[in-house]
């Protein structure tokens, strides 16, 4: 056991906050900042600072995740209670909680940024649920901490709603992620200059309670390494292995290499998932990389509308586009190398560290093409001829998607309707009437932003591609039904599109949360056929093409 659990209050009602069992491993096992003052400063020799949330004037509950509440063991009645609102607005802490902000550093946009830390996130403590799962509860926007630098520690409704919505959507998409429990309005205004252009405005303040088995990032290990505080670095590593990777056994040098290997593999699988659904994190700094391979820190993220490998939603990254969609796999590897460099301070052999990091490329190079094949309903057959044909199809498809503005989500979802009907005969040299360009393209026309203006040469090339694809599907060992099931399990019918989130934000800022609740509810079943053809599954409208919040965002929140 790493620490002693604080059990529920003896008279706590089942499903209540008082019935939660806290196991505050981090604060019990790691060194605290000896300075009790909540002042902005450099913190040395410590993993965290104790800090209380700052109370707010008039909190109100906007939404909560029923699924996450159930996971924690909280009843609907408790989530609607006054105490729930007080706790998750930061106006009250319960005796078993241990509020704190973590100390870490990181590389931002490729350069070492020094100490960063939880500048507006305050962890309330770690809960262990009835199934033995650990969930750290963290309030984002709950006030300043010693790591706030020039910030006020607050967050606006705009960014808080986006994090609440997207982190829960990612979970239901089957993508490793931190979760969100609640979204609360503070009743106070927060001034933000959204695009750093000298035009600040006061926006509604909000607090999101996000949850995770662990919020440890690459930056937790980088900071002590850069400060040559090897003793503190070892404490962080030993703790992370013992708490978050207990299957590796005691934190020996061999276990540390196995730990880095596991982080590399998890990171690779995470990025494969991002590429599968068209998610762009927007700010893949090392302080935003989870050691558990979770999507963490939902800031200026975005989703592909039209397929565009160069897309980045982050205005701060608009020039270099370091964190563009297509570059995410390379950046993840770069970040892992930074983590390995930090661990070298422990005296671990460079050869062993390099071998551990190589697990990233091994995993990605195996799982990325497999994912691409599944999006087509196929699998690599381990036959040179079949695999070569499939690889060629995938390369040509990316070229076709780039040639004409094509919605990424709708194209792959509607492609299942192109799969060959039983008994159809197809000739690549003399297509039958049933395989005419009009017939072939009809199921996917809705994916094009200008379906009535497709160039004839493009129609010819795409038709030829579809014919080859149909033949490959027909000759595959799987049935048509199996292929469709494979495709519909990895190609969502709906995603939290940028413009849908913006519509929910606009309504919420006027006090109307109908759009948010409807969207959040639909996103719990993102692969369901019932969403096809609905407003939530429609491609981006023209008004949203260059609309702030829909096409580009900033880190300001």
Protein backbone atom coordinates (compact mmCIF):
# COMPACT_ATOMS: atom_id res chain seq x y z
CA UNK A 1 0.00 0.00 0.00
CA UNK A 2 1.26 3.46 -0.91
CA UNK A 3 -0.83 5.37 1.59
CA UNK A 4 -3.67 5.03 3.99
CA UNK A 5 -7.17 5.52 2.63
CA UNK A 6 -9.54 7.92 4.29
CA UNK A 7 -12.80 6.06 4.43
CA UNK A 8 -16.27 7.52 4.18
CA UNK A 9 -17.86 9.27 7.13
CA UNK A 10 -19.57 6.73 9.42
CA UNK A 11 -23.02 8.20 8.83
CA UNK A 12 -22.51 9.03 5.12
CA UNK A 13 -25.44 8.28 2.87
CA UNK A 14 -24.68 5.93 -0.03
CA UNK A 15 -24.00 7.86 -3.22
CA UNK A 16 -23.02 11.05 -1.39
CA UNK A 17 -19.79 13.00 -1.49
CA UNK A 18 -19.20 12.09 2.14
CA UNK A 19 -19.27 8.42 1.15
CA UNK A 20 -16.25 8.82 -1.16
CA UNK A 21 -13.06 7.07 -0.08
CA UNK A 22 -10.02 9.27 -0.53
CA UNK A 23 -6.52 7.86 -1.00
CA UNK A 24 -4.34 10.93 -1.42
CA UNK A 25 -1.20 9.15 -2.52
CA UNK A 26 0.59 12.07 -4.10
CA UNK A 27 0.44 14.46 -1.16
CA UNK A 28 1.12 11.65 1.32
CA UNK A 29 4.18 10.27 -0.43
CA UNK A 30 5.90 13.19 -2.15
CA UNK A 31 7.56 16.31 -0.71
CA UNK A 32 5.43 19.43 -0.36
CA UNK A 33 6.39 23.05 -0.93
CA UNK A 34 7.45 24.26 2.55
CA UNK A 35 6.19 27.77 1.84
CA UNK A 36 2.47 27.93 2.72
CA UNK A 37 1.95 31.29 0.99
CA UNK A 38 -0.08 31.28 -2.22
CA UNK A 39 2.23 33.66 -4.04
CA UNK A 40 3.59 33.35 -7.57
CA UNK A 41 7.17 32.11 -7.34
CA UNK A 42 9.68 29.45 -8.27
CA UNK A 43 9.25 26.31 -6.18
CA UNK A 44 12.28 24.11 -5.55
CA UNK A 45 12.67 20.68 -4.00
CA UNK A 46 8.93 20.01 -3.97
CA UNK A 47 6.40 18.16 -6.10
CA UNK A 48 3.39 20.27 -5.18
CA UNK A 49 2.11 23.21 -3.17
CA UNK A 50 -0.84 23.07 -0.84
CA UNK A 51 -3.42 25.61 -1.94
CA UNK A 52 -7.14 26.12 -1.40
CA UNK A 53 -9.61 26.99 -4.16
CA UNK A 54 -10.76 30.61 -4.19
CA UNK A 55 -14.48 30.94 -3.51
CA UNK A 56 -16.83 32.41 -6.11
CA UNK A 57 -19.83 34.67 -5.75
CA UNK A 58 -22.83 32.91 -7.27
CA UNK A 59 -22.10 29.40 -8.59
CA UNK A 60 -24.63 27.44 -10.61
CA UNK A 61 -24.42 23.95 -12.08
CA UNK A 62 -24.50 23.89 -15.88
CA UNK A 63 -23.98 20.18 -16.51
CA UNK A 64 -22.49 17.01 -15.12
CA UNK A 65 -21.50 13.68 -16.62
CA UNK A 66 -23.88 10.99 -15.48
CA UNK A 67 -21.42 8.33 -16.57
CA UNK A 68 -18.52 9.83 -14.63
CA UNK A 69 -20.71 10.39 -11.57
CA UNK A 70 -21.73 6.72 -11.65
CA UNK A 71 -18.07 5.73 -11.96
CA UNK A 72 -17.28 7.67 -8.81
CA UNK A 73 -20.33 6.30 -6.99
CA UNK A 74 -22.26 9.60 -6.82
CA UNK A 75 -26.05 9.47 -7.07
CA UNK A 76 -28.12 11.81 -9.29
CA UNK A 77 -29.62 13.31 -6.13
CA UNK A 78 -26.16 14.14 -4.80
CA UNK A 79 -25.14 15.71 -8.12
CA UNK A 80 -28.17 18.00 -7.86
CA UNK A 81 -27.42 18.89 -4.25
CA UNK A 82 -26.18 22.14 -2.78
CA UNK A 83 -23.11 20.44 -1.37
CA UNK A 84 -22.11 19.13 -4.79
CA UNK A 85 -22.30 22.68 -6.14
CA UNK A 86 -20.29 24.07 -3.24
CA UNK A 87 -17.52 21.50 -3.60
CA UNK A 88 -17.15 21.67 -7.37
CA UNK A 89 -17.31 25.45 -7.49
CA UNK A 90 -14.44 25.57 -5.01
CA UNK A 91 -16.56 27.13 -2.27
CA UNK A 92 -16.14 24.20 0.11
CA UNK A 93 -13.68 21.38 0.65
CA UNK A 94 -14.45 18.22 2.59
CA UNK A 95 -12.21 17.02 5.45
CA UNK A 96 -10.70 14.03 3.55
CA UNK A 97 -9.60 16.26 0.66
CA UNK A 98 -6.05 17.53 0.27
CA UNK A 99 -6.16 20.50 -2.15
CA UNK A 100 -2.89 21.10 -3.98
CA UNK A 101 -1.31 22.27 -7.24
CA UNK A 102 1.45 20.24 -8.89
CA UNK A 103 4.88 21.57 -9.82
CA UNK A 104 6.26 20.70 -13.26
CA UNK A 105 8.00 22.20 -16.27
CA UNK A 106 8.01 21.53 -19.96
CA UNK A 107 9.07 22.22 -23.53
CA UNK A 108 6.65 24.58 -25.24
CA UNK A 109 6.74 24.81 -29.04
CA UNK A 110 10.10 23.09 -29.04
CA UNK A 111 11.86 25.26 -26.44
CA UNK A 112 12.46 24.70 -22.74
CA UNK A 113 10.04 26.91 -20.79
CA UNK A 114 11.24 26.23 -17.25
CA UNK A 115 8.80 25.91 -14.36
CA UNK A 116 5.15 25.83 -15.37
CA UNK A 117 2.92 23.90 -12.94
CA UNK A 118 -0.81 23.91 -12.27
CA UNK A 119 -1.48 27.59 -12.76
CA UNK A 120 -5.26 27.37 -12.52
CA UNK A 121 -5.90 23.72 -11.70
CA UNK A 122 -6.30 22.67 -8.09
CA UNK A 123 -6.56 18.98 -7.26
CA UNK A 124 -8.96 18.16 -4.45
CA UNK A 125 -7.62 14.67 -3.87
CA UNK A 126 -7.64 11.09 -5.12
CA UNK A 127 -10.76 8.95 -4.84
CA UNK A 128 -10.72 5.16 -4.99
CA UNK A 129 -14.10 3.85 -6.13
CA UNK A 130 -15.87 0.57 -5.37
CA UNK A 131 -14.06 -1.15 -8.26
CA UNK A 132 -10.67 -0.07 -6.99
CA UNK A 133 -10.22 2.58 -9.68
CA UNK A 134 -8.31 5.71 -8.72
CA UNK A 135 -9.75 9.07 -9.81
CA UNK A 136 -8.07 12.35 -9.04
CA UNK A 137 -10.57 15.23 -8.86
CA UNK A 138 -9.21 18.50 -10.19
CA UNK A 139 -10.88 21.91 -10.44
CA UNK A 140 -9.75 23.91 -13.45
CA UNK A 141 -10.38 27.62 -13.05
CA UNK A 142 -10.59 27.55 -9.25
CA UNK A 143 -8.20 30.42 -8.60
CA UNK A 144 -4.50 31.29 -8.49
CA UNK A 145 -1.69 29.04 -7.33
CA UNK A 146 2.05 29.61 -6.91
CA UNK A 147 2.36 28.48 -10.54
CA UNK A 148 -0.06 31.00 -12.06
CA UNK A 149 2.73 33.27 -13.30
CA UNK A 150 0.85 36.31 -14.68
CA UNK A 151 -2.52 34.54 -14.77
CA UNK A 152 -5.50 34.93 -12.49
CA UNK A 153 -6.14 31.21 -12.07
CA UNK A 154 -9.61 31.53 -13.53
CA UNK A 155 -11.19 30.08 -16.68
CA UNK A 156 -13.99 31.26 -18.93
CA UNK A 157 -17.15 29.41 -19.91
CA UNK A 158 -15.97 29.17 -23.51
CA UNK A 159 -12.93 26.99 -22.78
CA UNK A 160 -14.50 25.15 -19.84
CA UNK A 161 -17.49 24.06 -21.93
CA UNK A 162 -15.15 22.87 -24.67
CA UNK A 163 -13.14 20.76 -22.22
CA UNK A 164 -16.24 19.31 -20.57
CA UNK A 165 -17.77 18.45 -23.94
CA UNK A 166 -14.70 17.10 -25.69
CA UNK A 167 -13.15 15.04 -22.91
CA UNK A 168 -16.41 13.15 -22.41
CA UNK A 169 -16.86 12.77 -26.18
CA UNK A 170 -13.35 11.34 -26.49
CA UNK A 171 -14.13 8.77 -23.83
CA UNK A 172 -17.18 7.56 -25.71
CA UNK A 173 -15.19 7.50 -28.94
CA UNK A 174 -12.95 4.95 -27.23
CA UNK A 175 -9.94 7.29 -27.04
CA UNK A 176 -7.82 7.38 -23.86
CA UNK A 177 -8.57 10.67 -22.12
CA UNK A 178 -9.04 12.52 -18.90
CA UNK A 179 -12.72 12.79 -18.02
CA UNK A 180 -15.00 15.60 -16.86
CA UNK A 181 -17.40 15.39 -13.94
CA UNK A 182 -19.03 18.81 -13.81
CA UNK A 183 -19.28 22.25 -15.38
CA UNK A 184 -20.13 25.16 -13.07
CA UNK A 185 -20.69 28.84 -13.74
CA UNK A 186 -19.01 31.06 -11.15
CA UNK A 187 -21.35 34.04 -11.44
CA UNK A 188 -18.30 36.23 -11.99
CA UNK A 189 -16.79 37.78 -15.09
CA UNK A 190 -13.28 37.03 -16.34
CA UNK A 191 -11.42 39.34 -18.70
CA UNK A 192 -9.69 37.64 -21.61
CA UNK A 193 -8.08 38.79 -24.85
CA UNK A 194 -9.07 35.78 -26.91
CA UNK A 195 -6.71 36.41 -29.83
CA UNK A 196 -4.10 38.53 -28.03
CA UNK A 197 -4.93 41.41 -30.38
CA UNK A 198 -5.56 44.13 -27.83
CA UNK A 199 -9.33 43.63 -27.68
CA UNK A 200 -10.10 41.98 -24.34
CA UNK A 201 -13.65 41.40 -23.18
CA UNK A 202 -15.26 40.19 -20.01
CA UNK A 203 -16.59 36.65 -20.36
CA UNK A 204 -18.60 34.43 -17.99
CA UNK A 205 -16.32 32.57 -15.59
CA UNK A 206 -16.59 28.80 -15.15
CA UNK A 207 -14.95 25.85 -13.44
CA UNK A 208 -14.74 22.34 -14.86
CA UNK A 209 -14.00 19.40 -12.60
CA UNK A 210 -11.82 17.07 -14.60
CA UNK A 211 -10.87 13.61 -13.45
CA UNK A 212 -8.12 11.16 -14.24
CA UNK A 213 -6.36 8.16 -12.72
CA UNK A 214 -3.26 10.36 -12.94
CA UNK A 215 -2.43 13.88 -14.10
CA UNK A 216 1.31 13.22 -14.21
CA UNK A 217 2.95 14.62 -17.33
CA UNK A 218 6.33 14.37 -19.00
CA UNK A 219 7.04 17.78 -17.48
CA UNK A 220 6.84 16.45 -13.91
CA UNK A 221 10.10 14.60 -14.62
CA UNK A 222 11.69 17.19 -16.88
CA UNK A 223 11.74 19.98 -14.30
CA UNK A 224 13.85 18.28 -11.61
CA UNK A 225 16.11 16.87 -14.34
CA UNK A 226 16.75 20.35 -15.76
CA UNK A 227 17.46 21.58 -12.24
CA UNK A 228 19.80 18.64 -11.62
CA UNK A 229 17.68 17.66 -8.63
CA UNK A 230 18.28 13.95 -9.14
CA UNK A 231 16.87 13.00 -5.75
CA UNK A 232 13.53 14.65 -6.51
CA UNK A 233 13.49 13.16 -10.01
CA UNK A 234 13.96 9.69 -8.53
CA UNK A 235 11.12 10.32 -6.08
CA UNK A 236 8.81 11.26 -8.97
CA UNK A 237 9.80 8.20 -11.00
CA UNK A 238 9.53 5.75 -8.10
CA UNK A 239 6.14 7.16 -7.18
CA UNK A 240 4.81 7.01 -10.76
CA UNK A 241 5.88 3.38 -11.16
CA UNK A 242 4.46 2.31 -7.81
CA UNK A 243 1.14 4.13 -8.10
CA UNK A 244 0.36 4.15 -11.83
CA UNK A 245 2.29 1.09 -13.11
CA UNK A 246 2.23 -1.38 -10.20
CA UNK A 247 2.45 -4.31 -12.61
CA UNK A 248 6.11 -3.39 -13.19
CA UNK A 249 7.04 -4.25 -9.63
CA UNK A 250 9.53 -2.36 -7.45
CA UNK A 251 11.07 0.75 -9.09
CA UNK A 252 14.39 -0.76 -10.12
CA UNK A 253 16.44 0.55 -13.07
CA UNK A 254 15.00 -2.30 -15.16
CA UNK A 255 11.47 -1.32 -14.13
CA UNK A 256 12.21 2.28 -15.10
CA UNK A 257 13.17 1.20 -18.63
CA UNK A 258 10.03 -0.94 -18.82
CA UNK A 259 8.06 2.07 -17.59
CA UNK A 260 9.40 4.30 -20.36
CA UNK A 261 8.66 1.54 -22.87
CA UNK A 262 5.06 1.36 -21.66
CA UNK A 263 4.70 5.16 -21.90
CA UNK A 264 6.05 5.05 -25.47
CA UNK A 265 3.61 2.33 -26.48
CA UNK A 266 0.63 4.09 -24.88
CA UNK A 267 1.57 7.38 -26.51
CA UNK A 268 1.75 5.73 -29.93
CA UNK A 269 -1.69 4.16 -29.53
CA UNK A 270 -3.11 7.49 -28.41
CA UNK A 271 -1.84 9.33 -31.47
CA UNK A 272 -3.17 6.58 -33.74
CA UNK A 273 -6.59 7.21 -32.21
CA UNK A 274 -6.26 10.96 -32.81
CA UNK A 275 -5.41 10.36 -36.46
CA UNK A 276 -8.32 7.95 -36.79
CA UNK A 277 -10.99 10.51 -35.86
CA UNK A 278 -9.31 13.68 -37.14
CA UNK A 279 -8.52 15.20 -33.74
CA UNK A 280 -5.86 17.91 -33.49
CA UNK A 281 -4.64 18.58 -29.95
CA UNK A 282 -3.33 22.02 -30.85
CA UNK A 283 -0.67 22.38 -28.14
CA UNK A 284 1.39 19.19 -27.74
CA UNK A 285 3.91 20.67 -25.34
CA UNK A 286 5.65 18.17 -23.08
CA UNK A 287 3.69 19.49 -20.11
CA UNK A 288 0.55 18.42 -21.97
CA UNK A 289 1.67 14.81 -22.45
CA UNK A 290 0.30 12.21 -20.04
CA UNK A 291 2.44 9.33 -18.79
CA UNK A 292 -0.69 7.16 -19.03
CA UNK A 293 -1.12 7.94 -22.72
CA UNK A 294 -4.26 10.00 -22.11
CA UNK A 295 -5.50 13.02 -24.02
CA UNK A 296 -4.91 15.78 -21.49
CA UNK A 297 -5.32 19.57 -21.32
CA UNK A 298 -8.04 20.47 -23.80
CA UNK A 299 -7.07 23.97 -24.89
CA UNK A 300 -7.03 25.14 -28.51
CA UNK A 301 -7.91 21.72 -29.90
CA UNK A 302 -9.85 21.21 -33.11
CA UNK A 303 -11.31 18.58 -35.41
CA UNK A 304 -10.77 18.15 -39.11
CA UNK A 305 -13.75 19.37 -41.08
CA UNK A 306 -12.33 18.97 -44.57
CA UNK A 307 -9.35 16.63 -44.76
CA UNK A 308 -6.32 18.90 -44.37
CA UNK A 309 -3.07 17.43 -43.01
CA UNK A 310 -1.70 20.95 -42.38
CA UNK A 311 -4.62 22.03 -40.17
CA UNK A 312 -3.86 23.43 -36.75
CA UNK A 313 -6.56 25.17 -34.70
CA UNK A 314 -4.09 27.12 -32.55
CA UNK A 315 -3.53 30.75 -33.56
CA UNK A 316 -0.27 30.73 -31.59
CA UNK A 317 0.93 28.00 -33.95
CA UNK A 318 -0.39 29.57 -37.15
CA UNK A 319 3.06 30.37 -38.57
CA UNK A 320 5.17 27.29 -37.92
CA UNK A 321 2.23 24.86 -37.60
CA UNK A 322 4.36 22.64 -35.39
CA UNK A 323 1.28 20.91 -33.99
CA UNK A 324 -0.60 20.46 -37.25
CA UNK A 325 -2.63 17.28 -37.77
CA UNK A 326 -0.07 15.39 -39.85
CA UNK A 327 2.82 16.29 -37.55
CA UNK A 328 1.32 14.89 -34.34
CA UNK A 329 3.05 11.49 -34.67
CA UNK A 330 6.47 13.13 -35.05
CA UNK A 331 5.91 15.59 -32.21
CA UNK A 332 4.88 12.78 -29.86
CA UNK A 333 8.19 11.01 -30.57
CA UNK A 334 10.12 14.25 -30.04
CA UNK A 335 8.41 14.67 -26.68
CA UNK A 336 9.29 11.11 -25.67
CA UNK A 337 12.94 11.80 -26.42
CA UNK A 338 12.76 14.79 -24.05
CA UNK A 339 11.40 12.49 -21.33
CA UNK A 340 14.16 9.96 -22.00
CA UNK A 341 16.75 12.73 -21.76
CA UNK A 342 15.37 13.63 -18.33
CA UNK A 343 15.56 10.03 -17.16
CA UNK A 344 19.19 9.81 -18.25
CA UNK A 345 19.96 11.92 -15.19
CA UNK A 346 19.23 8.81 -13.11
CA UNK A 347 22.25 7.10 -14.62
CA UNK A 348 20.21 4.86 -16.89
CA UNK A 349 22.14 3.66 -19.97
CA UNK A 350 21.44 5.69 -23.12
CA UNK A 351 21.22 2.48 -25.13
CA UNK A 352 18.44 1.15 -22.89
CA UNK A 353 16.58 4.48 -22.97
CA UNK A 354 16.81 4.63 -26.77
CA UNK A 355 15.52 1.09 -27.01
CA UNK A 356 12.56 2.00 -24.78
CA UNK A 357 11.72 5.03 -26.92
CA UNK A 358 11.94 2.89 -30.08
CA UNK A 359 8.82 1.10 -28.83
CA UNK A 360 6.93 4.20 -29.98
CA UNK A 361 7.88 3.75 -33.64
CA UNK A 362 7.40 -0.02 -33.45
CA UNK A 363 3.90 0.39 -32.05
CA UNK A 364 2.89 3.27 -34.30
CA UNK A 365 4.21 1.66 -37.48
CA UNK A 366 2.26 -1.49 -36.67
CA UNK A 367 -1.01 0.04 -35.49
CA UNK A 368 -1.36 3.09 -37.75
CA UNK A 369 -1.69 1.14 -41.04
CA UNK A 370 -3.93 -1.37 -39.28
CA UNK A 371 -6.18 1.49 -38.20
CA UNK A 372 -6.26 2.90 -41.74
CA UNK A 373 -7.24 -0.48 -43.10
CA UNK A 374 -10.05 -0.83 -40.55
CA UNK A 375 -11.44 2.53 -41.67
CA UNK A 376 -11.93 0.83 -45.04
CA UNK A 377 -13.38 -2.29 -43.43
CA UNK A 378 -10.33 -4.33 -44.33
CA UNK A 379 -7.31 -5.86 -42.67
CA UNK A 380 -3.80 -6.54 -43.87
CA UNK A 381 -3.69 -10.13 -45.06
CA UNK A 382 0.06 -10.68 -44.55
CA UNK A 383 0.12 -11.43 -48.24
CA UNK A 384 2.48 -9.23 -50.23
CA UNK A 385 0.10 -8.87 -53.19
CA UNK A 386 -2.99 -8.04 -51.12
CA UNK A 387 -1.15 -5.76 -48.73
CA UNK A 388 0.56 -3.86 -51.54
CA UNK A 389 -2.78 -3.21 -53.21
CA UNK A 390 -4.28 -2.01 -49.94
CA UNK A 391 -1.30 0.23 -49.20
CA UNK A 392 -1.58 1.76 -52.68
CA UNK A 393 -5.28 2.39 -52.16
CA UNK A 394 -4.61 4.17 -48.87
CA UNK A 395 -1.94 6.42 -50.39
CA UNK A 396 -4.12 7.28 -53.38
CA UNK A 397 -7.10 7.96 -51.12
CA UNK A 398 -5.16 10.59 -49.18
CA UNK A 399 -4.25 12.26 -52.45
CA UNK A 400 -7.90 12.23 -53.57
CA UNK A 401 -9.12 13.66 -50.27
CA UNK A 402 -6.66 16.52 -50.66
CA UNK A 403 -7.60 17.28 -54.25
CA UNK A 404 -11.22 18.27 -53.55
CA UNK A 405 -12.58 19.68 -50.30
CA UNK A 406 -13.93 16.58 -48.57
CA UNK A 407 -15.33 16.20 -45.07
CA UNK A 408 -13.11 13.74 -43.21
CA UNK A 409 -15.76 12.29 -40.89
CA UNK A 410 -18.59 12.06 -43.43
CA UNK A 411 -16.42 10.50 -46.14
CA UNK A 412 -15.30 7.55 -44.07
CA UNK A 413 -18.69 7.04 -42.44
CA UNK A 414 -20.53 7.04 -45.78
CA UNK A 415 -17.91 4.85 -47.47
CA UNK A 416 -19.56 1.79 -45.95
CA UNK A 417 -22.51 2.35 -48.28
CA UNK A 418 -20.18 1.90 -51.26
CA UNK A 419 -19.31 -1.67 -50.36
CA UNK A 420 -20.39 -4.04 -53.10
CA UNK A 421 -23.81 -5.59 -53.08
CA UNK A 422 -23.96 -9.36 -53.29
CA UNK A 423 -23.74 -10.66 -56.83
CA UNK A 424 -22.58 -7.41 -58.43
CA UNK A 425 -20.06 -7.89 -61.24
CA UNK A 426 -17.42 -5.22 -61.64
CA UNK A 427 -14.87 -4.78 -64.38
CA UNK A 428 -12.13 -2.24 -64.02
CA UNK A 429 -11.81 -1.94 -67.79
CA UNK A 430 -15.52 -1.90 -68.70
CA UNK A 431 -17.62 -0.80 -65.75
CA UNK A 432 -21.24 -1.91 -65.91
CA UNK A 433 -24.09 0.55 -65.59
CA UNK A 434 -24.47 -0.42 -61.93
CA UNK A 435 -20.90 0.74 -61.42
CA UNK A 436 -21.30 4.06 -63.26
CA UNK A 437 -19.61 7.12 -61.74
CA UNK A 438 -23.00 8.45 -60.65
CA UNK A 439 -23.90 5.21 -58.93
CA UNK A 440 -20.52 4.78 -57.29
CA UNK A 441 -20.31 8.32 -55.94
CA UNK A 442 -23.92 8.70 -54.82
CA UNK A 443 -23.40 7.32 -51.27
CA UNK A 444 -20.47 9.69 -50.57
CA UNK A 445 -21.64 12.88 -52.31
CA UNK A 446 -22.72 14.37 -48.98
CA UNK A 447 -19.06 14.38 -47.89
CA UNK A 448 -18.06 16.94 -50.54
CA UNK A 449 -18.35 20.63 -49.79
CA UNK A 450 -19.22 21.36 -53.45
CA UNK A 451 -20.78 18.09 -54.71
CA UNK A 452 -22.28 19.74 -57.80
CA UNK A 453 -18.95 21.12 -58.94
CA UNK A 454 -16.71 18.05 -58.90
CA UNK A 455 -14.25 18.23 -61.83
CA UNK A 456 -14.85 15.46 -64.42
CA UNK A 457 -11.26 14.27 -64.16
CA UNK A 458 -11.61 13.99 -60.38
CA UNK A 459 -14.84 12.00 -60.78
CA UNK A 460 -13.04 9.64 -63.12
CA UNK A 461 -10.13 9.10 -60.74
CA UNK A 462 -12.33 8.65 -57.69
CA UNK A 463 -14.63 6.25 -59.57
CA UNK A 464 -11.64 4.16 -60.56
CA UNK A 465 -10.44 4.15 -56.95
CA UNK A 466 -13.89 3.06 -55.75
CA UNK A 467 -13.97 0.22 -58.27
CA UNK A 468 -10.61 -1.07 -57.07
CA UNK A 469 -11.78 -0.68 -53.48
CA UNK A 470 -14.95 -2.67 -54.19
CA UNK A 471 -12.95 -5.47 -55.77
CA UNK A 472 -10.62 -5.57 -52.79
CA UNK A 473 -13.62 -5.76 -50.45
CA UNK A 474 -15.19 -8.51 -52.54
CA UNK A 475 -12.04 -10.61 -52.48
CA UNK A 476 -11.43 -10.16 -48.76
CA UNK A 477 -12.07 -13.14 -46.46
CA UNK A 478 -14.57 -11.10 -44.42
CA UNK A 479 -18.20 -10.74 -45.41
CA UNK A 480 -19.83 -7.49 -46.43
CA UNK A 481 -21.65 -7.35 -43.09
CA UNK A 482 -18.38 -7.82 -41.22
CA UNK A 483 -16.70 -5.11 -43.25
CA UNK A 484 -19.49 -2.63 -42.54
CA UNK A 485 -19.41 -3.50 -38.84
CA UNK A 486 -15.64 -2.91 -38.76
CA UNK A 487 -15.99 0.46 -40.47
CA UNK A 488 -18.86 1.67 -38.32
CA UNK A 489 -16.94 0.74 -35.18
CA UNK A 490 -14.00 3.03 -36.01
CA UNK A 491 -15.62 5.74 -38.17
CA UNK A 492 -17.92 7.86 -35.98
CA UNK A 493 -21.17 9.25 -37.29
CA UNK A 494 -20.77 12.36 -35.14
CA UNK A 495 -17.91 14.21 -33.45
CA UNK A 496 -17.92 17.40 -31.35
CA UNK A 497 -17.36 19.53 -34.42
CA UNK A 498 -15.80 22.93 -33.90
CA UNK A 499 -18.87 24.84 -35.05
CA UNK A 500 -21.25 22.73 -32.95
CA UNK A 501 -19.23 23.52 -29.84
CA UNK A 502 -19.25 27.19 -30.79
CA UNK A 503 -23.05 27.17 -31.20
CA UNK A 504 -23.35 25.62 -27.74
CA UNK A 505 -21.02 28.28 -26.33
CA UNK A 506 -23.00 31.14 -27.87
CA UNK A 507 -26.24 29.82 -26.44
CA UNK A 508 -24.68 29.09 -23.04
CA UNK A 509 -23.34 32.63 -22.77
CA UNK A 510 -26.96 33.82 -22.92
CA UNK A 511 -28.02 31.32 -20.26
CA UNK A 512 -29.41 28.72 -22.70
CA UNK A 513 -27.81 25.30 -22.15
CA UNK A 514 -30.16 23.34 -24.41
CA UNK A 515 -27.58 23.02 -27.20
CA UNK A 516 -24.90 21.84 -24.77
CA UNK A 517 -27.10 19.19 -23.20
CA UNK A 518 -28.36 17.91 -26.56
CA UNK A 519 -24.86 17.70 -28.00
CA UNK A 520 -23.36 16.11 -24.89
CA UNK A 521 -26.11 13.50 -24.85
CA UNK A 522 -25.69 12.63 -28.54
CA UNK A 523 -21.93 12.31 -28.16
CA UNK A 524 -22.33 9.45 -25.70
CA UNK A 525 -23.20 7.27 -28.74
CA UNK A 526 -20.87 8.63 -31.44
CA UNK A 527 -20.98 5.51 -33.64
CA UNK A 528 -24.77 5.12 -33.68
CA UNK A 529 -26.47 5.01 -37.08
CA UNK A 530 -29.34 7.09 -35.70
CA UNK A 531 -27.21 10.24 -35.97
CA UNK A 532 -26.61 9.87 -39.71
CA UNK A 533 -28.33 12.58 -41.70
CA UNK A 534 -29.15 14.67 -38.61
CA UNK A 535 -28.08 18.26 -37.95
CA UNK A 536 -25.35 17.10 -35.57
CA UNK A 537 -23.79 14.97 -38.32
CA UNK A 538 -23.79 17.69 -40.97
CA UNK A 539 -20.56 19.06 -42.39
CA UNK A 540 -19.36 22.52 -41.45
CA UNK A 541 -21.67 25.29 -42.73
CA UNK A 542 -20.12 28.04 -44.82
CA UNK A 543 -20.61 30.69 -42.11
CA UNK A 544 -18.23 28.75 -39.86
CA UNK A 545 -15.37 28.47 -42.36
CA UNK A 546 -13.39 31.40 -40.91
CA UNK A 547 -15.44 32.06 -37.79
CA UNK A 548 -13.39 32.56 -34.58
CA UNK A 549 -13.90 29.53 -32.37
CA UNK A 550 -14.78 27.37 -35.38
CA UNK A 551 -11.62 27.50 -37.47
CA UNK A 552 -8.95 28.92 -35.16
CA UNK A 553 -8.62 29.36 -31.41
CA UNK A 554 -6.01 30.55 -28.98
CA UNK A 555 -4.60 29.39 -25.67
CA UNK A 556 -6.47 32.24 -23.97
CA UNK A 557 -9.14 30.84 -21.69
